[in-house]
Amino acid sequence: MTTIEHEVPTALRTVPQLLVAVDDQNTPTGFIGIDGSLVAMLFIAPAASGAGIGTALLQTSIQDYGATTLTVNEQNPRARQFYEHRGFQVTNRQPTDDQGRPYPLLTMTYNCDPLND
């Protein structure tokens, strides 16, 4: 297990708002954590990827909780494209993550609602 994976349980317990998507059998398929205007985390189970769960969670975080910023690992172009397609734009870059590890982070800010334009 990586260092980041060890941090997930603590992050899940401490995020102020945690929304969980479940399937017909009430099995979790994804979650989003919201801390004020920040999308602190978004995870979709690999088996549920591409089903619109991430988009629905993100839209709820924007519309119901006012979440308008997030950070994404620069080394994850798929995640960056996901957010850009949903109206987020890169507004800042830092060379390391919040713990000083060599994972460049991009701050992204919600700019519009391309799904409803």
Protein backbone atom coordinates (compact mmCIF):
# COMPACT_ATOMS: atom_id res chain seq x y z
CA MET A 1 0.00 0.00 0.00
CA THR A 2 1.37 3.43 -0.94
CA THR A 3 1.68 6.38 1.42
CA ILE A 4 -1.20 8.10 -0.34
CA GLU A 5 -3.44 5.03 0.09
CA HIS A 6 -2.70 5.09 3.84
CA GLU A 7 -3.94 8.69 3.99
CA VAL A 8 -7.34 7.96 2.42
CA PRO A 9 -9.14 6.64 5.55
CA THR A 10 -8.19 9.74 7.53
CA ALA A 11 -9.18 12.02 4.67
CA LEU A 12 -12.58 10.32 4.41
CA ARG A 13 -13.22 10.81 8.14
CA THR A 14 -12.19 14.46 8.18
CA VAL A 15 -13.77 15.89 5.02
CA PRO A 16 -16.75 18.08 6.02
CA GLN A 17 -19.13 16.80 3.31
CA LEU A 18 -18.93 13.30 1.85
CA LEU A 19 -21.40 12.23 -0.82
CA VAL A 20 -21.52 8.56 -1.77
CA ALA A 21 -23.05 7.09 -4.92
CA VAL A 22 -24.48 3.58 -4.63
CA ASP A 23 -25.81 1.07 -7.12
CA ASP A 24 -29.12 -0.87 -7.04
CA GLN A 25 -27.68 -3.26 -4.43
CA ASN A 26 -26.65 -0.30 -2.22
CA THR A 27 -22.96 -0.97 -2.96
CA PRO A 28 -20.83 2.19 -3.08
CA THR A 29 -19.69 3.01 -6.61
CA GLY A 30 -18.05 6.38 -5.98
CA PHE A 31 -17.70 9.31 -3.62
CA ILE A 32 -16.88 12.99 -3.57
CA GLY A 33 -15.53 14.94 -0.62
CA ILE A 34 -16.27 18.65 -0.31
CA ASP A 35 -14.55 21.14 1.99
CA GLY A 36 -16.15 24.56 1.55
CA SER A 37 -15.65 25.55 -2.09
CA LEU A 38 -13.03 22.80 -2.61
CA VAL A 39 -13.66 19.41 -4.17
CA ALA A 40 -11.24 17.62 -1.86
CA MET A 41 -11.53 14.20 -3.50
CA LEU A 42 -13.44 12.33 -6.17
CA PHE A 43 -13.22 8.58 -6.66
CA ILE A 44 -15.20 6.25 -8.90
CA ALA A 45 -14.85 2.48 -8.68
CA PRO A 46 -13.15 1.18 -11.85
CA ALA A 47 -16.15 -1.04 -12.66
CA ALA A 48 -18.43 2.03 -12.56
CA SER A 49 -16.18 4.30 -14.64
CA GLY A 50 -17.86 5.89 -17.63
CA ALA A 51 -21.39 5.51 -16.25
CA GLY A 52 -21.84 9.22 -15.44
CA ILE A 53 -21.39 8.84 -11.68
CA GLY A 54 -18.41 11.22 -11.51
CA THR A 55 -20.25 13.84 -13.54
CA ALA A 56 -23.34 13.57 -11.33
CA LEU A 57 -21.31 13.84 -8.12
CA LEU A 58 -19.36 16.80 -9.50
CA GLN A 59 -22.54 18.60 -10.63
CA THR A 60 -24.10 18.08 -7.20
CA SER A 61 -20.99 19.43 -5.49
CA ILE A 62 -21.17 22.58 -7.65
CA GLN A 63 -24.93 23.16 -7.58
CA ASP A 64 -25.75 22.16 -3.99
CA TYR A 65 -22.50 22.86 -2.14
CA GLY A 66 -20.84 25.66 -4.13
CA ALA A 67 -17.67 23.69 -4.84
CA THR A 68 -15.75 25.60 -7.51
CA THR A 69 -12.09 24.61 -7.06
CA LEU A 70 -10.09 21.41 -6.98
CA THR A 71 -6.58 20.11 -7.44
CA VAL A 72 -5.55 17.33 -9.76
CA ASN A 73 -2.25 15.54 -10.20
CA GLU A 74 -0.62 16.89 -13.35
CA GLN A 75 0.54 13.33 -14.10
CA ASN A 76 -3.10 12.27 -14.50
CA PRO A 77 -4.15 13.72 -17.89
CA ARG A 78 -7.35 11.67 -17.94
CA ALA A 79 -8.57 13.36 -14.73
CA ARG A 80 -7.56 16.79 -16.03
CA GLN A 81 -9.53 16.19 -19.24
CA PHE A 82 -12.53 15.00 -17.22
CA TYR A 83 -12.59 18.25 -15.24
CA GLU A 84 -11.91 20.47 -18.27
CA HIS A 85 -14.80 18.85 -20.13
CA ARG A 86 -17.03 19.82 -17.20
CA GLY A 87 -16.07 23.50 -17.10
CA PHE A 88 -12.93 23.62 -14.95
CA GLN A 89 -9.81 25.48 -16.07
CA VAL A 90 -6.24 25.34 -14.76
CA THR A 91 -5.53 28.46 -12.70
CA ASN A 92 -2.31 27.48 -10.91
CA ARG A 93 0.44 24.86 -10.80
CA GLN A 94 2.64 23.79 -7.92
CA PRO A 95 5.63 21.43 -8.38
CA THR A 96 4.87 19.22 -5.36
CA ASP A 97 1.82 17.94 -3.51
CA ASP A 98 0.79 19.29 -0.11
CA GLN A 99 3.14 16.87 1.65
CA GLY A 100 6.12 17.96 -0.48
CA ARG A 101 6.20 14.83 -2.62
CA PRO A 102 7.21 15.20 -6.30
CA TYR A 103 3.65 15.08 -7.64
CA PRO A 104 2.92 18.36 -9.47
CA LEU A 105 -0.58 19.61 -8.73
CA LEU A 106 -2.84 21.73 -10.90
CA THR A 107 -5.42 23.94 -9.25
CA MET A 108 -8.55 24.09 -11.37
CA THR A 109 -11.45 26.52 -11.03
CA TYR A 110 -14.98 26.09 -12.29
CA ASN A 111 -15.64 28.56 -15.07
CA CYS A 112 -18.94 27.58 -16.69
CA ASP A 113 -21.45 24.83 -17.12
CA PRO A 114 -20.71 23.27 -20.53
CA LEU A 115 -23.27 20.54 -19.94
CA ASN A 116 -26.08 23.08 -19.87
CA ASP A 117 -24.76 25.63 -22.42
